[in-house]
Amino acid sequence: MSSSEDYTFVCSECGQSISVNEAMREALVENGCAVCGSPVSETDFEAKTDFEAEAASDS
């Protein structure tokens, strides 16, 4: 079973960390951090492992 939250975003400016899906990831890259507005790049995301995705869906 696949989680809808496939990435973890961490803002390099404000440190905000959130789980996001592909659509949210694209929106953040296009529009910047939702908290502080700083530019977001592809390197600000980490793909979740299968274990992390399962743990997130169990909580």
Foldseek 3Di string as FASTA:
>chain_A
DFAQFFKWFADPPPGDIDTHHPVVVVCCQVQNDPPPRDHDDPVRIDTDDPVRRVVVVVD
